Amino acid sequence: MELRLSNKIEAILYLKGQPLSIAQLAEYAGCDRHTLEEGLIELIDDYAHRNSALEVVETVSGTYSLQLKSNFQELVQTLIPVELGVGALRTLAAIALRSPMTQTELVNLRGSGAYQHVQELVEQGFVRKRRPLDSRSFLLDVTDKFYQYFQLEQLPQLLSNSDNEQEADVQEQVN
């Protein structure tokens, strides 16, 4: 049985679990861009004519994703609720806005309660914690689950290290 390219693309999007570019899809599928685009159009058309909870969508950055249709988001919230307190959400926001950042920087910004928040956020899968070889402090950044759960493709770069005034405003809002 020969595997249709559209089915292979569907499997790739499902297995990767993140938006992929045409070039990435073509590489994983082992075909050229033109052939991939034809298979992708066929897959999008298949989903458009199915009575399915899933859809293939193009993101604003031109990548493609297999995702749950928006009218099922309430079901997601019911079945996979994330119970984060206000403090943990504020800590998550600080990490997301400054990602990657050291745990020391986070504790200076949010206070010692951030240690517990980080542990909770790592357990929930929203934050990745790793120790660089050249540092005593853990490096924190948000995971793909963060972007998927909060339905974000990426965060705008809101902070610049040279803009201390804007940084102070954000610190006040986070605290």
C-alpha atoms as a PDB file:
ATOM      1  CA  MET A   1       0.000   0.000   0.000  1.00  0.00           C
ATOM      2  CA  GLU A   2       1.476   3.326  -1.122  1.00  0.00           C
ATOM      3  CA  LEU A   3       1.281   6.129   1.423  1.00  0.00           C
ATOM      4  CA  ARG A   4      -0.318   9.323   0.071  1.00  0.00           C
ATOM      5  CA  LEU A   5       1.828  12.429   0.519  1.00  0.00           C
ATOM      6  CA  SER A   6      -1.061  14.243   2.235  1.00  0.00           C
ATOM      7  CA  ASN A   7      -1.203  11.451   4.849  1.00  0.00           C
ATOM      8  CA  LYS A   8       2.554  11.683   5.361  1.00  0.00           C
ATOM      9  CA  ILE A   9       2.290  15.459   5.863  1.00  0.00           C
ATOM     10  CA  GLU A  10      -0.543  14.914   8.347  1.00  0.00           C
ATOM     11  CA  ALA A  11       1.616  12.438  10.292  1.00  0.00           C
ATOM     12  CA  ILE A  12       4.560  14.866  10.302  1.00  0.00           C
ATOM     13  CA  LEU A  13       2.418  17.749  11.605  1.00  0.00           C
ATOM     14  CA  TYR A  14       0.905  15.484  14.263  1.00  0.00           C
ATOM     15  CA  LEU A  15       4.231  14.044  15.421  1.00  0.00           C
ATOM     16  CA  LYS A  16       6.110  17.363  15.512  1.00  0.00           C
ATOM     17  CA  GLY A  17       3.275  19.100  17.380  1.00  0.00           C
ATOM     18  CA  GLN A  18       4.382  22.584  16.303  1.00  0.00           C
ATOM     19  CA  PRO A  19       4.048  24.834  13.262  1.00  0.00           C
ATOM     20  CA  LEU A  20       6.430  23.896  10.434  1.00  0.00           C
ATOM     21  CA  SER A  21       7.552  25.773   7.334  1.00  0.00           C
ATOM     22  CA  ILE A  22       7.177  24.440   3.789  1.00  0.00           C
ATOM     23  CA  ALA A  23      10.944  23.823   3.720  1.00  0.00           C
ATOM     24  CA  GLN A  24      10.833  21.825   6.973  1.00  0.00           C
ATOM     25  CA  LEU A  25       7.838  19.799   5.801  1.00  0.00           C
ATOM     26  CA  ALA A  26       9.524  19.065   2.450  1.00  0.00           C
ATOM     27  CA  GLU A  27      12.685  17.943   4.235  1.00  0.00           C
ATOM     28  CA  TYR A  28      10.786  15.617   6.603  1.00  0.00           C
ATOM     29  CA  ALA A  29       8.617  14.276   3.767  1.00  0.00           C
ATOM     30  CA  GLY A  30      11.634  13.757   1.504  1.00  0.00           C
ATOM     31  CA  CYS A  31      10.274  15.697  -1.462  1.00  0.00           C
ATOM     32  CA  ASP A  32      10.673  19.047  -3.212  1.00  0.00           C
ATOM     33  CA  ARG A  33       8.757  22.200  -2.255  1.00  0.00           C
ATOM     34  CA  HIS A  34       6.385  22.089  -5.221  1.00  0.00           C
ATOM     35  CA  THR A  35       5.351  18.481  -4.551  1.00  0.00           C
ATOM     36  CA  LEU A  36       4.987  19.256  -0.847  1.00  0.00           C
ATOM     37  CA  GLU A  37       2.750  22.256  -1.571  1.00  0.00           C
ATOM     38  CA  GLU A  38       0.467  20.063  -3.699  1.00  0.00           C
ATOM     39  CA  GLY A  39       0.230  17.481  -0.902  1.00  0.00           C
ATOM     40  CA  LEU A  40      -0.417  20.205   1.666  1.00  0.00           C
ATOM     41  CA  ILE A  41      -3.232  21.695  -0.439  1.00  0.00           C
ATOM     42  CA  GLU A  42      -4.762  18.210  -0.701  1.00  0.00           C
ATOM     43  CA  LEU A  43      -4.518  17.760   3.090  1.00  0.00           C
ATOM     44  CA  ILE A  44      -6.067  21.176   3.811  1.00  0.00           C
ATOM     45  CA  ASP A  45      -8.858  20.371   1.364  1.00  0.00           C
ATOM     46  CA  ASP A  46      -9.404  16.954   3.000  1.00  0.00           C
ATOM     47  CA  TYR A  47      -9.800  18.579   6.420  1.00  0.00           C
ATOM     48  CA  ALA A  48     -12.094  21.270   5.021  1.00  0.00           C
ATOM     49  CA  HIS A  49     -14.488  18.555   3.798  1.00  0.00           C
ATOM     50  CA  ARG A  50     -14.291  16.306   6.878  1.00  0.00           C
ATOM     51  CA  ASN A  51     -16.469  16.608   9.916  1.00  0.00           C
ATOM     52  CA  SER A  52     -13.377  16.726  12.138  1.00  0.00           C
ATOM     53  CA  ALA A  53     -12.276  18.399  15.345  1.00  0.00           C
ATOM     54  CA  LEU A  54      -8.890  19.097  13.720  1.00  0.00           C
ATOM     55  CA  GLU A  55      -7.784  21.466  10.996  1.00  0.00           C
ATOM     56  CA  VAL A  56      -4.597  22.371   9.148  1.00  0.00           C
ATOM     57  CA  VAL A  57      -3.957  26.093   9.299  1.00  0.00           C
ATOM     58  CA  GLU A  58      -1.341  28.492   8.009  1.00  0.00           C
ATOM     59  CA  THR A  59       0.024  30.788  10.712  1.00  0.00           C
ATOM     60  CA  VAL A  60       0.814  34.475  10.223  1.00  0.00           C
ATOM     61  CA  SER A  61       4.502  33.599   9.787  1.00  0.00           C
ATOM     62  CA  GLY A  62       3.717  31.220   6.917  1.00  0.00           C
ATOM     63  CA  THR A  63       4.140  27.970   8.824  1.00  0.00           C
ATOM     64  CA  TYR A  64       1.572  25.182   8.942  1.00  0.00           C
ATOM     65  CA  SER A  65       0.049  23.493  11.964  1.00  0.00           C
ATOM     66  CA  LEU A  66      -2.364  20.670  12.727  1.00  0.00           C
ATOM     67  CA  GLN A  67      -4.541  21.938  15.541  1.00  0.00           C
ATOM     68  CA  LEU A  68      -7.839  21.602  17.299  1.00  0.00           C
ATOM     69  CA  LYS A  69     -10.566  23.799  15.820  1.00  0.00           C
ATOM     70  CA  SER A  70     -11.245  26.877  17.927  1.00  0.00           C
ATOM     71  CA  ASN A  71     -14.796  25.821  18.796  1.00  0.00           C
ATOM     72  CA  PHE A  72     -13.289  22.968  20.878  1.00  0.00           C
ATOM     73  CA  GLN A  73     -11.243  25.233  23.184  1.00  0.00           C
ATOM     74  CA  GLU A  74     -13.832  25.027  25.968  1.00  0.00           C
ATOM     75  CA  LEU A  75     -13.431  21.245  25.903  1.00  0.00           C
ATOM     76  CA  VAL A  76      -9.656  21.665  26.205  1.00  0.00           C
ATOM     77  CA  GLN A  77     -10.116  23.898  29.255  1.00  0.00           C
ATOM     78  CA  THR A  78     -12.461  21.316  30.796  1.00  0.00           C
ATOM     79  CA  LEU A  79     -10.300  18.267  30.112  1.00  0.00           C
ATOM     80  CA  ILE A  80      -6.882  19.811  30.604  1.00  0.00           C
ATOM     81  CA  PRO A  81      -7.331  22.581  33.120  1.00  0.00           C
ATOM     82  CA  VAL A  82      -4.243  24.406  34.257  1.00  0.00           C
ATOM     83  CA  GLU A  83      -4.538  25.559  37.799  1.00  0.00           C
ATOM     84  CA  LEU A  84      -2.023  28.326  38.271  1.00  0.00           C
ATOM     85  CA  GLY A  85      -2.367  30.902  40.978  1.00  0.00           C
ATOM     86  CA  VAL A  86      -1.953  34.608  40.336  1.00  0.00           C
ATOM     87  CA  GLY A  87       1.640  34.543  41.621  1.00  0.00           C
ATOM     88  CA  ALA A  88       2.622  31.649  39.364  1.00  0.00           C
ATOM     89  CA  LEU A  89       0.951  33.352  36.376  1.00  0.00           C
ATOM     90  CA  ARG A  90       2.879  36.551  37.076  1.00  0.00           C
ATOM     91  CA  THR A  91       6.095  34.570  37.374  1.00  0.00           C
ATOM     92  CA  LEU A  92       5.297  32.815  34.089  1.00  0.00           C
ATOM     93  CA  ALA A  93       4.655  36.184  32.449  1.00  0.00           C
ATOM     94  CA  ALA A  94       8.016  37.486  33.670  1.00  0.00           C
ATOM     95  CA  ILE A  95       9.811  34.411  32.318  1.00  0.00           C
ATOM     96  CA  ALA A  96       7.966  34.631  29.002  1.00  0.00           C
ATOM     97  CA  LEU A  97       8.750  38.315  28.538  1.00  0.00           C
ATOM     98  CA  ARG A  98      12.451  37.955  29.387  1.00  0.00           C
ATOM     99  CA  SER A  99      13.069  34.430  28.184  1.00  0.00           C
ATOM    100  CA  PRO A 100      15.681  33.141  28.573  1.00  0.00           C
ATOM    101  CA  MET A 101      16.497  34.500  32.012  1.00  0.00           C
ATOM    102  CA  THR A 102      18.398  33.186  35.000  1.00  0.00           C
ATOM    103  CA  GLN A 103      16.578  32.021  38.098  1.00  0.00           C
ATOM    104  CA  THR A 104      18.613  34.565  40.079  1.00  0.00           C
ATOM    105  CA  GLU A 105      17.249  37.394  37.902  1.00  0.00           C
ATOM    106  CA  LEU A 106      13.731  36.034  38.382  1.00  0.00           C
ATOM    107  CA  VAL A 107      14.074  35.871  42.184  1.00  0.00           C
ATOM    108  CA  ASN A 108      15.427  39.440  42.205  1.00  0.00           C
ATOM    109  CA  LEU A 109      12.386  40.502  40.184  1.00  0.00           C
ATOM    110  CA  ARG A 110       9.652  38.400  41.836  1.00  0.00           C
ATOM    111  CA  GLY A 111      10.991  37.490  45.289  1.00  0.00           C
ATOM    112  CA  SER A 112      11.764  34.158  46.917  1.00  0.00           C
ATOM    113  CA  GLY A 113       8.273  32.771  46.146  1.00  0.00           C
ATOM    114  CA  ALA A 114       9.492  32.448  42.570  1.00  0.00           C
ATOM    115  CA  TYR A 115      11.367  29.249  43.517  1.00  0.00           C
ATOM    116  CA  GLN A 116       8.049  27.490  44.220  1.00  0.00           C
ATOM    117  CA  HIS A 117       6.444  29.035  41.132  1.00  0.00           C
ATOM    118  CA  VAL A 118       9.293  27.775  38.925  1.00  0.00           C
ATOM    119  CA  GLN A 119       8.924  24.261  40.342  1.00  0.00           C
ATOM    120  CA  GLU A 120       5.173  24.347  39.639  1.00  0.00           C
ATOM    121  CA  LEU A 121       5.661  25.770  36.122  1.00  0.00           C
ATOM    122  CA  VAL A 122       8.269  23.120  35.296  1.00  0.00           C
ATOM    123  CA  GLU A 123       5.920  20.368  36.562  1.00  0.00           C
ATOM    124  CA  GLN A 124       3.081  21.799  34.422  1.00  0.00           C
ATOM    125  CA  GLY A 125       5.420  21.819  31.407  1.00  0.00           C
ATOM    126  CA  PHE A 126       5.317  25.578  30.771  1.00  0.00           C
ATOM    127  CA  VAL A 127       8.926  26.324  31.742  1.00  0.00           C
ATOM    128  CA  ARG A 128      12.209  24.589  30.972  1.00  0.00           C
ATOM    129  CA  LYS A 129      14.954  24.827  33.582  1.00  0.00           C
ATOM    130  CA  ARG A 130      18.568  24.038  32.687  1.00  0.00           C
ATOM    131  CA  ARG A 131      21.946  24.838  34.165  1.00  0.00           C
ATOM    132  CA  PRO A 132      24.523  26.235  31.730  1.00  0.00           C
ATOM    133  CA  LEU A 133      28.075  24.973  32.245  1.00  0.00           C
ATOM    134  CA  ASP A 134      29.389  28.487  32.916  1.00  0.00           C
ATOM    135  CA  SER A 135      26.765  29.520  35.497  1.00  0.00           C
ATOM    136  CA  ARG A 136      25.645  28.667  39.009  1.00  0.00           C
ATOM    137  CA  SER A 137      22.075  29.820  38.310  1.00  0.00           C
ATOM    138  CA  PHE A 138      19.509  27.902  36.292  1.00  0.00           C
ATOM    139  CA  LEU A 139      18.453  29.325  32.943  1.00  0.00           C
ATOM    140  CA  LEU A 140      14.670  29.522  32.489  1.00  0.00           C
ATOM    141  CA  ASP A 141      12.652  29.756  29.307  1.00  0.00           C
ATOM    142  CA  VAL A 142       9.130  28.922  28.173  1.00  0.00           C
ATOM    143  CA  THR A 143       8.354  25.670  26.360  1.00  0.00           C
ATOM    144  CA  ASP A 144       6.315  24.836  23.279  1.00  0.00           C
ATOM    145  CA  LYS A 145       3.455  23.886  25.624  1.00  0.00           C
ATOM    146  CA  PHE A 146       3.337  27.506  26.815  1.00  0.00           C
ATOM    147  CA  TYR A 147       2.848  28.749  23.240  1.00  0.00           C
ATOM    148  CA  GLN A 148       0.294  26.057  22.442  1.00  0.00           C
ATOM    149  CA  TYR A 149      -1.720  26.457  25.642  1.00  0.00           C
ATOM    150  CA  PHE A 150      -1.903  30.229  25.454  1.00  0.00           C
ATOM    151  CA  GLN A 151      -2.430  30.064  21.664  1.00  0.00           C
ATOM    152  CA  LEU A 152       0.587  32.185  20.862  1.00  0.00           C
ATOM    153  CA  GLU A 153       2.874  31.700  17.920  1.00  0.00           C
ATOM    154  CA  GLN A 154       5.555  33.865  19.493  1.00  0.00           C
ATOM    155  CA  LEU A 155       5.881  36.693  21.951  1.00  0.00           C
ATOM    156  CA  PRO A 156       6.685  40.160  20.693  1.00  0.00           C
ATOM    157  CA  GLN A 157      10.003  41.508  21.912  1.00  0.00           C
ATOM    158  CA  LEU A 158       8.618  43.958  24.442  1.00  0.00           C
ATOM    159  CA  LEU A 159      11.712  44.644  26.483  1.00  0.00           C
ATOM    160  CA  SER A 160      15.102  45.962  25.515  1.00  0.00           C
ATOM    161  CA  ASN A 161      17.925  46.062  28.010  1.00  0.00           C
ATOM    162  CA  SER A 162      18.618  49.725  27.190  1.00  0.00           C
ATOM    163  CA  ASP A 163      15.083  50.907  27.965  1.00  0.00           C
ATOM    164  CA  ASN A 164      15.158  51.042  31.771  1.00  0.00           C
ATOM    165  CA  GLU A 165      11.970  53.080  32.058  1.00  0.00           C
ATOM    166  CA  GLN A 166       9.889  50.511  30.209  1.00  0.00           C
ATOM    167  CA  GLU A 167      11.547  47.735  32.225  1.00  0.00           C
ATOM    168  CA  ALA A 168      10.643  49.470  35.498  1.00  0.00           C
ATOM    169  CA  ASP A 169       7.011  49.748  34.353  1.00  0.00           C
ATOM    170  CA  VAL A 170       6.899  46.025  33.597  1.00  0.00           C
ATOM    171  CA  GLN A 171       8.459  45.210  36.983  1.00  0.00           C
ATOM    172  CA  GLU A 172       5.750  47.219  38.740  1.00  0.00           C
ATOM    173  CA  GLN A 173       3.014  45.449  36.745  1.00  0.00           C
ATOM    174  CA  VAL A 174       4.461  41.985  37.414  1.00  0.00           C
ATOM    175  CA  ASN A 175       4.802  42.654  41.157  1.00  0.00           C
END
